[in-house]
C-alpha atoms as a PDB file:
ATOM      1  CA  MET A   1      87.445  82.396  91.585  1.00  0.00           C
ATOM      2  CA  ASP A   2      84.966  80.063  89.928  1.00  0.00           C
ATOM      3  CA  GLN A   3      86.617  76.752  90.712  1.00  0.00           C
ATOM      4  CA  VAL A   4      88.848  75.722  93.554  1.00  0.00           C
ATOM      5  CA  ASN A   5      91.141  72.785  93.008  1.00  0.00           C
ATOM      6  CA  ARG A   6      90.588  70.615  96.061  1.00  0.00           C
ATOM      7  CA  ASP A   7      92.997  67.953  94.815  1.00  0.00           C
ATOM      8  CA  LYS A   8      96.248  68.520  96.723  1.00  0.00           C
ATOM      9  CA  SER A   9      98.435  66.471  94.370  1.00  0.00           C
ATOM     10  CA  TRP A  10     100.615  67.992  91.670  1.00  0.00           C
ATOM     11  CA  PRO A  11      99.668  67.349  88.065  1.00  0.00           C
ATOM     12  CA  THR A  12     101.528  64.470  86.435  1.00  0.00           C
ATOM     13  CA  VAL A  13     101.949  66.209  83.073  1.00  0.00           C
ATOM     14  CA  TRP A  14     102.489  69.882  82.380  1.00  0.00           C
ATOM     15  CA  ASN A  15     101.157  70.720  78.946  1.00  0.00           C
ATOM     16  CA  GLY A  16     102.288  74.332  79.020  1.00  0.00           C
ATOM     17  CA  VAL A  17     105.363  75.214  77.025  1.00  0.00           C
ATOM     18  CA  ASP A  18     105.423  78.929  77.705  1.00  0.00           C
ATOM     19  CA  HIS A  19     108.126  80.629  79.750  1.00  0.00           C
ATOM     20  CA  ALA A  20     106.215  80.499  83.031  1.00  0.00           C
ATOM     21  CA  ALA A  21     105.211  76.831  82.673  1.00  0.00           C
ATOM     22  CA  ILE A  22     108.787  75.769  81.910  1.00  0.00           C
ATOM     23  CA  LEU A  23     110.139  77.640  84.937  1.00  0.00           C
ATOM     24  CA  LEU A  24     107.360  76.339  87.184  1.00  0.00           C
ATOM     25  CA  ARG A  25     108.155  72.777  86.098  1.00  0.00           C
ATOM     26  CA  GLU A  26     111.829  73.389  86.915  1.00  0.00           C
ATOM     27  CA  LEU A  27     110.889  74.750  90.351  1.00  0.00           C
ATOM     28  CA  VAL A  28     108.741  71.710  91.139  1.00  0.00           C
ATOM     29  CA  LEU A  29     111.413  69.274  89.929  1.00  0.00           C
ATOM     30  CA  ARG A  30     114.127  71.075  91.893  1.00  0.00           C
ATOM     31  CA  GLY A  31     111.937  70.947  94.999  1.00  0.00           C
ATOM     32  CA  ALA A  32     111.563  67.208  94.536  1.00  0.00           C
ATOM     33  CA  GLY A  33     115.308  66.820  93.928  1.00  0.00           C
ATOM     34  CA  ARG A  34     114.657  65.520  90.403  1.00  0.00           C
ATOM     35  CA  PHE A  35     115.887  68.350  88.181  1.00  0.00           C
ATOM     36  CA  GLN A  36     118.773  67.161  86.009  1.00  0.00           C
ATOM     37  CA  LEU A  37     119.405  68.581  82.550  1.00  0.00           C
ATOM     38  CA  PRO A  38     120.304  65.796  80.103  1.00  0.00           C
ATOM     39  CA  TYR A  39     123.459  67.606  78.954  1.00  0.00           C
ATOM     40  CA  GLN A  40     125.925  68.543  81.701  1.00  0.00           C
ATOM     41  CA  GLU A  41     128.885  69.979  79.779  1.00  0.00           C
ATOM     42  CA  PRO A  42     129.342  73.762  80.047  1.00  0.00           C
ATOM     43  CA  GLU A  43     129.608  74.132  76.253  1.00  0.00           C
ATOM     44  CA  LEU A  44     126.939  72.530  74.061  1.00  0.00           C
ATOM     45  CA  CYS A  45     128.175  73.601  70.620  1.00  0.00           C
ATOM     46  CA  HIS A  46     131.941  73.314  70.401  1.00  0.00           C
ATOM     47  CA  CYS A  47     132.267  74.588  66.821  1.00  0.00           C
ATOM     48  CA  ARG A  48     130.533  77.880  67.629  1.00  0.00           C
ATOM     49  CA  ALA A  49     131.530  77.930  71.324  1.00  0.00           C
ATOM     50  CA  VAL A  50     127.918  78.213  72.473  1.00  0.00           C
ATOM     51  CA  PRO A  51     127.446  77.514  76.185  1.00  0.00           C
ATOM     52  CA  THR A  52     124.758  75.048  77.267  1.00  0.00           C
ATOM     53  CA  GLU A  53     123.203  77.800  79.392  1.00  0.00           C
ATOM     54  CA  VAL A  54     122.660  79.991  76.313  1.00  0.00           C
ATOM     55  CA  VAL A  55     120.846  77.187  74.471  1.00  0.00           C
ATOM     56  CA  ASP A  56     118.806  76.397  77.582  1.00  0.00           C
ATOM     57  CA  ARG A  57     117.766  80.055  77.967  1.00  0.00           C
ATOM     58  CA  ALA A  58     116.759  80.168  74.299  1.00  0.00           C
ATOM     59  CA  ILE A  59     114.502  77.130  74.799  1.00  0.00           C
ATOM     60  CA  ILE A  60     112.951  78.646  77.912  1.00  0.00           C
ATOM     61  CA  SER A  61     112.397  81.902  76.015  1.00  0.00           C
ATOM     62  CA  GLY A  62     110.429  80.228  73.238  1.00  0.00           C
ATOM     63  CA  CYS A  63     112.806  78.582  70.762  1.00  0.00           C
ATOM     64  CA  HIS A  64     111.078  75.224  70.461  1.00  0.00           C
ATOM     65  CA  SER A  65     112.703  73.893  67.291  1.00  0.00           C
ATOM     66  CA  ILE A  66     116.279  73.124  66.275  1.00  0.00           C
ATOM     67  CA  GLU A  67     116.032  75.805  63.600  1.00  0.00           C
ATOM     68  CA  SER A  68     114.921  78.538  65.988  1.00  0.00           C
ATOM     69  CA  VAL A  69     117.619  77.623  68.522  1.00  0.00           C
ATOM     70  CA  ALA A  70     120.213  77.758  65.727  1.00  0.00           C
ATOM     71  CA  ARG A  71     118.898  81.101  64.494  1.00  0.00           C
ATOM     72  CA  ILE A  72     119.079  82.682  67.957  1.00  0.00           C
ATOM     73  CA  THR A  73     122.238  81.050  69.353  1.00  0.00           C
ATOM     74  CA  SER A  74     124.120  79.791  66.245  1.00  0.00           C
ATOM     75  CA  ALA A  75     124.398  76.371  67.940  1.00  0.00           C
ATOM     76  CA  GLY A  76     124.326  73.570  65.398  1.00  0.00           C
ATOM     77  CA  THR A  77     125.063  75.762  62.394  1.00  0.00           C
ATOM     78  CA  SER A  78     128.503  74.330  61.643  1.00  0.00           C
ATOM     79  CA  CYS A  79     129.080  70.572  61.860  1.00  0.00           C
ATOM     80  CA  GLY A  80     125.716  69.759  63.494  1.00  0.00           C
ATOM     81  CA  THR A  81     126.960  67.152  65.960  1.00  0.00           C
ATOM     82  CA  CYS A  82     125.385  69.106  68.833  1.00  0.00           C
ATOM     83  CA  LYS A  83     121.869  68.892  67.359  1.00  0.00           C
ATOM     84  CA  PRO A  84     121.006  65.615  69.172  1.00  0.00           C
ATOM     85  CA  ASP A  85     122.059  67.171  72.488  1.00  0.00           C
ATOM     86  CA  THR A  86     119.992  70.261  71.715  1.00  0.00           C
ATOM     87  CA  GLU A  87     117.008  68.016  70.938  1.00  0.00           C
ATOM     88  CA  LYS A  88     117.445  66.154  74.240  1.00  0.00           C
ATOM     89  CA  LEU A  89     117.615  69.426  76.154  1.00  0.00           C
ATOM     90  CA  MET A  90     114.525  70.690  74.341  1.00  0.00           C
ATOM     91  CA  ALA A  91     112.608  67.461  75.003  1.00  0.00           C
ATOM     92  CA  TYR A  92     113.517  67.605  78.680  1.00  0.00           C
ATOM     93  CA  ARG A  93     112.374  71.198  79.002  1.00  0.00           C
ATOM     94  CA  LEU A  94     109.142  70.769  77.038  1.00  0.00           C
ATOM     95  CA  ASN A  95     107.944  67.191  77.700  1.00  0.00           C
ATOM     96  CA  GLU A  96     109.187  66.134  81.104  1.00  0.00           C
ATOM     97  CA  ARG A  97     106.714  64.120  83.172  1.00  0.00           C
ATOM     98  CA  LEU A  98     106.549  64.950  86.866  1.00  0.00           C
ATOM     99  CA  ALA A  99     105.087  61.696  88.146  1.00  0.00           C
END
């Protein structure tokens, strides 16, 4: 180990958007009691009956655009009214500040 991080504070911004970084961010936020997905309904896309959990898992797994989420889950491929909620969920998962 070349460098040892002697700073005991958590980073204020996580720049990683890979699977592990997203889950680590969730773990830290849950530990601090600050994890709250921006969309709380069980079903995100009502036209295609796509559960919020399915869209969330797709984002965690690497779908980082509305188009890729739609391709994998079919959410937002009918009327499109769920796209803003998908964008909010994606922004929360990928850009959340910890500080």
